[in-house]
Amino acid sequence: CAGAEKRIDDWHWVMISGLDPQTGVITFFDES
């Protein structure tokens, strides 16, 4: 469940490639 963050699909696995621990922003690979 993505909650309030709607840029992630529900019921889904992705691969995280980066993280900014200060802002909480991740980069991830999904759907090519």
Full PDB file with SEQRES, HELIX, SHEET, SSBOND, CRYST1, ORIGX, SCALE, CONECT and MASTER records, all heavy atoms in Angstrom:
SEQRES   1 A   32  CYS ALA GLY ALA GLU LYS ARG ILE ASP ASP TRP HIS TRP          
SEQRES   2 A   32  VAL MET ILE SER GLY LEU ASP PRO GLN THR GLY VAL ILE          
SEQRES   3 A   32  THR PHE PHE ASP GLU SER                                      
SHEET    1 AA1 2 MET A  15  ASP A  20  0                                        
SHEET    2 AA1 2 VAL A  25  PHE A  29 -1                                        
CRYST1    1.000    1.000    1.000  90.00  90.00  90.00 P 1           1          
ORIGX1      1.000000  0.000000  0.000000        0.00000                         
ORIGX2      0.000000  1.000000  0.000000        0.00000                         
ORIGX3      0.000000  0.000000  1.000000        0.00000                         
SCALE1      1.000000  0.000000  0.000000        0.00000                         
SCALE2      0.000000  1.000000  0.000000        0.00000                         
SCALE3      0.000000  0.000000  1.000000        0.00000                         
ATOM      1  N   CYS A   1       0.863  -1.190   0.000  1.00  0.00           N  
ATOM      2  CA  CYS A   1       0.000   0.000   0.000  1.00  0.00           C  
ATOM      3  C   CYS A   1       0.891   1.228   0.000  1.00  0.00           C  
ATOM      4  O   CYS A   1       1.719   1.395   0.893  1.00  0.00           O  
ATOM      5  CB  CYS A   1      -0.916   0.002   1.227  1.00  0.00           C  
ATOM      6  SG  CYS A   1      -1.766   1.573   1.487  1.00  0.00           S  
ATOM      7  N   ALA A   2       0.716   2.089  -0.988  1.00  0.00           N  
ATOM      8  CA  ALA A   2       1.597   3.251  -1.129  1.00  0.00           C  
ATOM      9  C   ALA A   2       1.258   4.366  -0.155  1.00  0.00           C  
ATOM     10  O   ALA A   2       2.030   5.313  -0.023  1.00  0.00           O  
ATOM     11  CB  ALA A   2       1.530   3.777  -2.566  1.00  0.00           C  
ATOM     12  N   GLY A   3       0.140   4.281   0.530  1.00  0.00           N  
ATOM     13  CA  GLY A   3      -0.248   5.354   1.439  1.00  0.00           C  
ATOM     14  C   GLY A   3      -0.410   6.661   0.678  1.00  0.00           C  
ATOM     15  O   GLY A   3      -1.045   6.717  -0.375  1.00  0.00           O  
ATOM     16  N   ALA A   4       0.187   7.724   1.193  1.00  0.00           N  
ATOM     17  CA  ALA A   4       0.072   9.040   0.570  1.00  0.00           C  
ATOM     18  C   ALA A   4       1.060   9.240  -0.573  1.00  0.00           C  
ATOM     19  O   ALA A   4       0.959  10.235  -1.294  1.00  0.00           O  
ATOM     20  CB  ALA A   4       0.276  10.132   1.622  1.00  0.00           C  
ATOM     21  N   GLU A   5       2.002   8.314  -0.750  1.00  0.00           N  
ATOM     22  CA  GLU A   5       3.000   8.431  -1.821  1.00  0.00           C  
ATOM     23  C   GLU A   5       2.515   7.656  -3.049  1.00  0.00           C  
ATOM     24  O   GLU A   5       2.675   6.443  -3.144  1.00  0.00           O  
ATOM     25  CB  GLU A   5       4.359   7.903  -1.342  1.00  0.00           C  
ATOM     26  CG  GLU A   5       5.454   7.895  -2.401  1.00  0.00           C  
ATOM     27  CD  GLU A   5       5.558   9.183  -3.191  1.00  0.00           C  
ATOM     28  OE1 GLU A   5       4.777   9.365  -4.156  1.00  0.00           O  
ATOM     29  OE2 GLU A   5       6.425  10.001  -2.850  1.00  0.00           O  
ATOM     30  N   LYS A   6       1.896   8.370  -3.965  1.00  0.00           N  
ATOM     31  CA  LYS A   6       1.210   7.726  -5.088  1.00  0.00           C  
ATOM     32  C   LYS A   6       2.122   7.440  -6.280  1.00  0.00           C  
ATOM     33  O   LYS A   6       1.652   6.952  -7.309  1.00  0.00           O  
ATOM     34  CB  LYS A   6       0.029   8.596  -5.537  1.00  0.00           C  
ATOM     35  CG  LYS A   6      -1.007   8.838  -4.450  1.00  0.00           C  
ATOM     36  CD  LYS A   6      -1.513   7.526  -3.844  1.00  0.00           C  
ATOM     37  CE  LYS A   6      -2.591   7.776  -2.793  1.00  0.00           C  
ATOM     38  NZ  LYS A   6      -3.032   6.501  -2.151  1.00  0.00           N  
ATOM     39  N   ARG A   7       3.416   7.715  -6.131  1.00  0.00           N  
ATOM     40  CA  ARG A   7       4.328   7.431  -7.239  1.00  0.00           C  
ATOM     41  C   ARG A   7       4.846   5.993  -7.216  1.00  0.00           C  
ATOM     42  O   ARG A   7       5.630   5.603  -8.075  1.00  0.00           O  
ATOM     43  CB  ARG A   7       5.503   8.410  -7.205  1.00  0.00           C  
ATOM     44  CG  ARG A   7       5.120   9.834  -7.563  1.00  0.00           C  
ATOM     45  CD  ARG A   7       6.279  10.795  -7.398  1.00  0.00           C  
ATOM     46  NE  ARG A   7       6.643  10.988  -5.992  1.00  0.00           N  
ATOM     47  CZ  ARG A   7       7.633  11.782  -5.581  1.00  0.00           C  
ATOM     48  NH1 ARG A   7       8.373  12.428  -6.466  1.00  0.00           N  
ATOM     49  NH2 ARG A   7       7.878  11.925  -4.287  1.00  0.00           N  
ATOM     50  N   ILE A   8       4.393   5.208  -6.236  1.00  0.00           N  
ATOM     51  CA  ILE A   8       4.752   3.793  -6.159  1.00  0.00           C  
ATOM     52  C   ILE A   8       3.482   2.979  -6.349  1.00  0.00           C  
ATOM     53  O   ILE A   8       2.455   3.256  -5.735  1.00  0.00           O  
ATOM     54  CB  ILE A   8       5.369   3.442  -4.786  1.00  0.00           C  
ATOM     55  CG1 ILE A   8       6.394   4.484  -4.354  1.00  0.00           C  
ATOM     56  CG2 ILE A   8       6.008   2.056  -4.820  1.00  0.00           C  
ATOM     57  CD1 ILE A   8       6.904   4.284  -2.931  1.00  0.00           C  
ATOM     58  N   ASP A   9       3.548   1.958  -7.178  1.00  0.00           N  
ATOM     59  CA  ASP A   9       2.384   1.102  -7.387  1.00  0.00           C  
ATOM     60  C   ASP A   9       2.143   0.225  -6.166  1.00  0.00           C  
ATOM     61  O   ASP A   9       3.085  -0.286  -5.542  1.00  0.00           O  
ATOM     62  CB  ASP A   9       2.593   0.199  -8.611  1.00  0.00           C  
ATOM     63  CG  ASP A   9       2.547   0.973  -9.915  1.00  0.00           C  
ATOM     64  OD1 ASP A   9       1.972   2.081  -9.922  1.00  0.00           O  
ATOM     65  OD2 ASP A   9       3.082   0.473 -10.923  1.00  0.00           O  
ATOM     66  N   ASP A  10       0.876   0.024  -5.828  1.00  0.00           N  
ATOM     67  CA  ASP A  10       0.517  -0.882  -4.750  1.00  0.00           C  
ATOM     68  C   ASP A  10       0.813  -2.331  -5.142  1.00  0.00           C  
ATOM     69  O   ASP A  10       0.810  -2.689  -6.322  1.00  0.00           O  
ATOM     70  CB  ASP A  10      -0.975  -0.756  -4.428  1.00  0.00           C  
ATOM     71  CG  ASP A  10      -1.331   0.580  -3.789  1.00  0.00           C  
ATOM     72  OD1 ASP A  10      -0.438   1.203  -3.189  1.00  0.00           O  
ATOM     73  OD2 ASP A  10      -2.505   0.991  -3.898  1.00  0.00           O  
ATOM     74  N   TRP A  11       1.012  -3.148  -4.115  1.00  0.00           N  
ATOM     75  CA  TRP A  11       1.189  -4.595  -4.290  1.00  0.00           C  
ATOM     76  C   TRP A  11       2.298  -4.870  -5.303  1.00  0.00           C  
ATOM     77  O   TRP A  11       2.112  -5.565  -6.300  1.00  0.00           O  
ATOM     78  CB  TRP A  11      -0.119  -5.254  -4.725  1.00  0.00           C  
ATOM     79  CG  TRP A  11      -0.398  -6.546  -4.012  1.00  0.00           C  
ATOM     80  CD1 TRP A  11      -0.022  -7.797  -4.419  1.00  0.00           C  
ATOM     81  CD2 TRP A  11      -1.082  -6.727  -2.771  1.00  0.00           C  
ATOM     82  NE1 TRP A  11      -0.432  -8.733  -3.504  1.00  0.00           N  
ATOM     83  CE2 TRP A  11      -1.097  -8.100  -2.474  1.00  0.00           C  
ATOM     84  CE3 TRP A  11      -1.681  -5.840  -1.876  1.00  0.00           C  
ATOM     85  CZ2 TRP A  11      -1.689  -8.619  -1.323  1.00  0.00           C  
ATOM     86  CZ3 TRP A  11      -2.264  -6.355  -0.730  1.00  0.00           C  
ATOM     87  CH2 TRP A  11      -2.276  -7.728  -0.469  1.00  0.00           C  
ATOM     88  N   HIS A  12       3.472  -4.348  -5.020  1.00  0.00           N  
ATOM     89  CA  HIS A  12       4.517  -4.321  -6.045  1.00  0.00           C  
ATOM     90  C   HIS A  12       5.903  -4.390  -5.422  1.00  0.00           C  
ATOM     91  O   HIS A  12       6.135  -3.894  -4.317  1.00  0.00           O  
ATOM     92  CB  HIS A  12       4.377  -3.013  -6.840  1.00  0.00           C  
ATOM     93  CG  HIS A  12       5.070  -3.009  -8.158  1.00  0.00           C  
ATOM     94  ND1 HIS A  12       5.103  -4.092  -9.006  1.00  0.00           N  
ATOM     95  CD2 HIS A  12       5.768  -2.021  -8.787  1.00  0.00           C  
ATOM     96  CE1 HIS A  12       5.775  -3.776 -10.096  1.00  0.00           C  
ATOM     97  NE2 HIS A  12       6.202  -2.535  -9.980  1.00  0.00           N  
ATOM     98  N   TRP A  13       6.830  -5.042  -6.145  1.00  0.00           N  
ATOM     99  CA  TRP A  13       8.255  -5.054  -5.820  1.00  0.00           C  
ATOM    100  C   TRP A  13       9.000  -4.206  -6.839  1.00  0.00           C  
ATOM    101  O   TRP A  13       8.719  -4.271  -8.043  1.00  0.00           O  
ATOM    102  CB  TRP A  13       8.822  -6.470  -5.899  1.00  0.00           C  
ATOM    103  CG  TRP A  13       8.489  -7.400  -4.773  1.00  0.00           C  
ATOM    104  CD1 TRP A  13       7.415  -8.240  -4.702  1.00  0.00           C  
ATOM    105  CD2 TRP A  13       9.245  -7.606  -3.578  1.00  0.00           C  
ATOM    106  NE1 TRP A  13       7.454  -8.952  -3.535  1.00  0.00           N  
ATOM    107  CE2 TRP A  13       8.578  -8.592  -2.821  1.00  0.00           C  
ATOM    108  CE3 TRP A  13      10.430  -7.054  -3.074  1.00  0.00           C  
ATOM    109  CZ2 TRP A  13       9.045  -9.042  -1.589  1.00  0.00           C  
ATOM    110  CZ3 TRP A  13      10.893  -7.501  -1.844  1.00  0.00           C  
ATOM    111  CH2 TRP A  13      10.209  -8.485  -1.117  1.00  0.00           C  
ATOM    112  N   VAL A  14       9.975  -3.417  -6.365  1.00  0.00           N  
ATOM    113  CA  VAL A  14      10.860  -2.653  -7.253  1.00  0.00           C  
ATOM    114  C   VAL A  14      12.287  -2.766  -6.723  1.00  0.00           C  
ATOM    115  O   VAL A  14      12.527  -3.305  -5.636  1.00  0.00           O  
ATOM    116  CB  VAL A  14      10.447  -1.156  -7.332  1.00  0.00           C  
ATOM    117  CG1 VAL A  14       9.040  -1.008  -7.886  1.00  0.00           C  
ATOM    118  CG2 VAL A  14      10.566  -0.475  -5.968  1.00  0.00           C  
ATOM    119  N   MET A  15      13.239  -2.260  -7.484  1.00  0.00           N  
ATOM    120  CA  MET A  15      14.630  -2.262  -7.055  1.00  0.00           C  
ATOM    121  C   MET A  15      15.092  -0.843  -6.764  1.00  0.00           C  
ATOM    122  O   MET A  15      15.137   0.006  -7.658  1.00  0.00           O  
ATOM    123  CB  MET A  15      15.547  -2.883  -8.113  1.00  0.00           C  
ATOM    124  CG  MET A  15      16.988  -3.064  -7.621  1.00  0.00           C  
ATOM    125  SD  MET A  15      18.094  -3.816  -8.835  1.00  0.00           S  
ATOM    126  CE  MET A  15      18.634  -2.365  -9.762  1.00  0.00           C  
ATOM    127  N   ILE A  16      15.445  -0.571  -5.502  1.00  0.00           N  
ATOM    128  CA  ILE A  16      15.933   0.749  -5.089  1.00  0.00           C  
ATOM    129  C   ILE A  16      17.393   0.887  -5.476  1.00  0.00           C  
ATOM    130  O   ILE A  16      18.218   0.029  -5.189  1.00  0.00           O  
ATOM    131  CB  ILE A  16      15.768   0.943  -3.572  1.00  0.00           C  
ATOM    132  CG1 ILE A  16      14.278   0.968  -3.205  1.00  0.00           C  
ATOM    133  CG2 ILE A  16      16.457   2.227  -3.108  1.00  0.00           C  
ATOM    134  CD1 ILE A  16      14.024   1.038  -1.699  1.00  0.00           C  
ATOM    135  N   SER A  17      17.718   2.030  -6.112  1.00  0.00           N  
ATOM    136  CA  SER A  17      19.097   2.269  -6.558  1.00  0.00           C  
ATOM    137  C   SER A  17      19.749   3.450  -5.860  1.00  0.00           C  
ATOM    138  O   SER A  17      20.964   3.642  -5.972  1.00  0.00           O  
ATOM    139  CB  SER A  17      19.122   2.509  -8.074  1.00  0.00           C  
ATOM    140  OG  SER A  17      18.297   3.607  -8.417  1.00  0.00           O  
ATOM    141  N   GLY A  18      18.970   4.265  -5.150  1.00  0.00           N  
ATOM    142  CA  GLY A  18      19.535   5.432  -4.487  1.00  0.00           C  
ATOM    143  C   GLY A  18      18.628   5.927  -3.381  1.00  0.00           C  
ATOM    144  O   GLY A  18      17.420   5.668  -3.379  1.00  0.00           O  
ATOM    145  N   LEU A  19      19.221   6.646  -2.425  1.00  0.00           N  
ATOM    146  CA  LEU A  19      18.474   7.180  -1.286  1.00  0.00           C  
ATOM    147  C   LEU A  19      19.112   8.468  -0.806  1.00  0.00           C  
ATOM    148  O   LEU A  19      20.333   8.546  -0.641  1.00  0.00           O  
ATOM    149  CB  LEU A  19      18.481   6.164  -0.135  1.00  0.00           C  
ATOM    150  CG  LEU A  19      18.037   6.691   1.243  1.00  0.00           C  
ATOM    151  CD1 LEU A  19      16.537   6.948   1.257  1.00  0.00           C  
ATOM    152  CD2 LEU A  19      18.417   5.709   2.345  1.00  0.00           C  
ATOM    153  N   ASP A  20      18.268   9.470  -0.572  1.00  0.00           N  
ATOM    154  CA  ASP A  20      18.679  10.677   0.140  1.00  0.00           C  
ATOM    155  C   ASP A  20      18.089  10.569   1.546  1.00  0.00           C  
ATOM    156  O   ASP A  20      16.883  10.770   1.728  1.00  0.00           O  
ATOM    157  CB  ASP A  20      18.164  11.928  -0.559  1.00  0.00           C  
ATOM    158  CG  ASP A  20      18.673  13.216   0.088  1.00  0.00           C  
ATOM    159  OD1 ASP A  20      18.934  13.200   1.311  1.00  0.00           O  
ATOM    160  OD2 ASP A  20      18.802  14.227  -0.615  1.00  0.00           O  
ATOM    161  N   PRO A  21      18.899  10.230   2.554  1.00  0.00           N  
ATOM    162  CA  PRO A  21      18.342  10.000   3.891  1.00  0.00           C  
ATOM    163  C   PRO A  21      17.781  11.259   4.541  1.00  0.00           C  
ATOM    164  O   PRO A  21      16.975  11.167   5.469  1.00  0.00           O  
ATOM    165  CB  PRO A  21      19.542   9.456   4.678  1.00  0.00           C  
ATOM    166  CG  PRO A  21      20.737   9.966   3.957  1.00  0.00           C  
ATOM    167  CD  PRO A  21      20.354  10.020   2.510  1.00  0.00           C  
ATOM    168  N   GLN A  22      18.191  12.426   4.063  1.00  0.00           N  
ATOM    169  CA  GLN A  22      17.688  13.671   4.640  1.00  0.00           C  
ATOM    170  C   GLN A  22      16.278  13.991   4.160  1.00  0.00           C  
ATOM    171  O   GLN A  22      15.422  14.418   4.941  1.00  0.00           O  
ATOM    172  CB  GLN A  22      18.645  14.823   4.292  1.00  0.00           C  
ATOM    173  CG  GLN A  22      20.070  14.597   4.748  1.00  0.00           C  
ATOM    174  CD  GLN A  22      20.184  14.340   6.243  1.00  0.00           C  
ATOM    175  OE1 GLN A  22      19.538  15.019   7.031  1.00  0.00           O  
ATOM    176  NE2 GLN A  22      20.990  13.373   6.628  1.00  0.00           N  
ATOM    177  N   THR A  23      16.028  13.801   2.881  1.00  0.00           N  
ATOM    178  CA  THR A  23      14.716  14.103   2.321  1.00  0.00           C  
ATOM    179  C   THR A  23      13.795  12.890   2.289  1.00  0.00           C  
ATOM    180  O   THR A  23      12.582  13.038   2.160  1.00  0.00           O  
ATOM    181  CB  THR A  23      14.853  14.649   0.890  1.00  0.00           C  
ATOM    182  OG1 THR A  23      15.393  13.623   0.044  1.00  0.00           O  
ATOM    183  CG2 THR A  23      15.761  15.869   0.863  1.00  0.00           C  
ATOM    184  N   GLY A  24      14.385  11.694   2.367  1.00  0.00           N  
ATOM    185  CA  GLY A  24      13.592  10.476   2.271  1.00  0.00           C  
ATOM    186  C   GLY A  24      13.322  10.021   0.852  1.00  0.00           C  
ATOM    187  O   GLY A  24      12.635   9.012   0.636  1.00  0.00           O  
ATOM    188  N   VAL A  25      13.860  10.723  -0.131  1.00  0.00           N  
ATOM    189  CA  VAL A  25      13.600  10.392  -1.535  1.00  0.00           C  
ATOM    190  C   VAL A  25      14.464   9.215  -1.977  1.00  0.00           C  
ATOM    191  O   VAL A  25      15.669   9.176  -1.699  1.00  0.00           O  
ATOM    192  CB  VAL A  25      13.852  11.611  -2.442  1.00  0.00           C  
ATOM    193  CG1 VAL A  25      13.793  11.221  -3.922  1.00  0.00           C  
ATOM    194  CG2 VAL A  25      12.830  12.701  -2.144  1.00  0.00           C  
ATOM    195  N   ILE A  26      13.842   8.260  -2.654  1.00  0.00           N  
ATOM    196  CA  ILE A  26      14.564   7.148  -3.267  1.00  0.00           C  
ATOM    197  C   ILE A  26      14.478   7.243  -4.782  1.00  0.00           C  
ATOM    198  O   ILE A  26      13.546   7.837  -5.335  1.00  0.00           O  
ATOM    199  CB  ILE A  26      14.008   5.779  -2.825  1.00  0.00           C  
ATOM    200  CG1 ILE A  26      12.498   5.677  -3.133  1.00  0.00           C  
ATOM    201  CG2 ILE A  26      14.330   5.500  -1.376  1.00  0.00           C  
ATOM    202  CD1 ILE A  26      11.933   4.273  -2.970  1.00  0.00           C  
ATOM    203  N   THR A  27      15.473   6.686  -5.451  1.00  0.00           N  
ATOM    204  CA  THR A  27      15.363   6.396  -6.881  1.00  0.00           C  
ATOM    205  C   THR A  27      15.225   4.886  -7.004  1.00  0.00           C  
ATOM    206  O   THR A  27      15.802   4.134  -6.206  1.00  0.00           O  
ATOM    207  CB  THR A  27      16.594   6.869  -7.661  1.00  0.00           C  
ATOM    208  OG1 THR A  27      17.772   6.278  -7.114  1.00  0.00           O  
ATOM    209  CG2 THR A  27      16.723   8.377  -7.607  1.00  0.00           C  
ATOM    210  N   PHE A  28      14.443   4.443  -7.967  1.00  0.00           N  
ATOM    211  CA  PHE A  28      14.233   3.009  -8.121  1.00  0.00           C  
ATOM    212  C   PHE A  28      13.946   2.668  -9.584  1.00  0.00           C  
ATOM    213  O   PHE A  28      13.471   3.502 -10.368  1.00  0.00           O  
ATOM    214  CB  PHE A  28      13.110   2.504  -7.212  1.00  0.00           C  
ATOM    215  CG  PHE A  28      11.753   3.125  -7.450  1.00  0.00           C  
ATOM    216  CD1 PHE A  28      10.805   2.506  -8.234  1.00  0.00           C  
ATOM    217  CD2 PHE A  28      11.419   4.345  -6.857  1.00  0.00           C  
ATOM    218  CE1 PHE A  28       9.552   3.072  -8.441  1.00  0.00           C  
ATOM    219  CE2 PHE A  28      10.164   4.922  -7.046  1.00  0.00           C  
ATOM    220  CZ  PHE A  28       9.227   4.282  -7.843  1.00  0.00           C  
ATOM    221  N   PHE A  29      14.275   1.433  -9.932  1.00  0.00           N  
ATOM    222  CA  PHE A  29      14.005   0.918 -11.265  1.00  0.00           C  
ATOM    223  C   PHE A  29      12.655   0.215 -11.244  1.00  0.00           C  
ATOM    224  O   PHE A  29      12.403  -0.649 -10.401  1.00  0.00           O  
ATOM    225  CB  PHE A  29      15.085  -0.079 -11.687  1.00  0.00           C  
ATOM    226  CG  PHE A  29      16.417   0.545 -11.999  1.00  0.00           C  
ATOM    227  CD1 PHE A  29      17.390   0.662 -11.022  1.00  0.00           C  
ATOM    228  CD2 PHE A  29      16.705   1.006 -13.273  1.00  0.00           C  
ATOM    229  CE1 PHE A  29      18.617   1.234 -11.296  1.00  0.00           C  
ATOM    230  CE2 PHE A  29      17.934   1.581 -13.569  1.00  0.00           C  
ATOM    231  CZ  PHE A  29      18.898   1.695 -12.580  1.00  0.00           C  
ATOM    232  N   ASP A  30      11.795   0.568 -12.198  1.00  0.00           N  
ATOM    233  CA  ASP A  30      10.471  -0.039 -12.299  1.00  0.00           C  
ATOM    234  C   ASP A  30       9.940   0.184 -13.706  1.00  0.00           C  
ATOM    235  O   ASP A  30      10.035   1.295 -14.242  1.00  0.00           O  
ATOM    236  CB  ASP A  30       9.517   0.585 -11.269  1.00  0.00           C  
ATOM    237  CG  ASP A  30       8.140  -0.056 -11.277  1.00  0.00           C  
ATOM    238  OD1 ASP A  30       8.056  -1.274 -11.505  1.00  0.00           O  
ATOM    239  OD2 ASP A  30       7.148   0.648 -11.032  1.00  0.00           O  
ATOM    240  N   GLU A  31       9.412  -0.863 -14.298  1.00  0.00           N  
ATOM    241  CA  GLU A  31       8.823  -0.781 -15.638  1.00  0.00           C  
ATOM    242  C   GLU A  31       9.825  -0.222 -16.646  1.00  0.00           C  
ATOM    243  O   GLU A  31       9.470   0.562 -17.518  1.00  0.00           O  
ATOM    244  CB  GLU A  31       7.550   0.069 -15.620  1.00  0.00           C  
ATOM    245  CG  GLU A  31       6.464  -0.507 -14.729  1.00  0.00           C  
ATOM    246  CD  GLU A  31       5.224   0.361 -14.675  1.00  0.00           C  
ATOM    247  OE1 GLU A  31       5.369   1.608 -14.717  1.00  0.00           O  
ATOM    248  OE2 GLU A  31       4.117  -0.196 -14.611  1.00  0.00           O  
ATOM    249  N   SER A  32      11.100  -0.615 -16.494  1.00  0.00           N  
ATOM    250  CA  SER A  32      12.177  -0.179 -17.389  1.00  0.00           C  
ATOM    251  C   SER A  32      12.387   1.327 -17.375  1.00  0.00           C  
ATOM    252  O   SER A  32      12.801   1.924 -18.366  1.00  0.00           O  
ATOM    253  CB  SER A  32      11.925  -0.664 -18.830  1.00  0.00           C  
ATOM    254  OG  SER A  32      11.989  -2.073 -18.890  1.00  0.00           O  
TER     255      SER A  32                                                      
MASTER        0    0    0    0    2    0    0    6  254    1    0    3          
END                                                                             
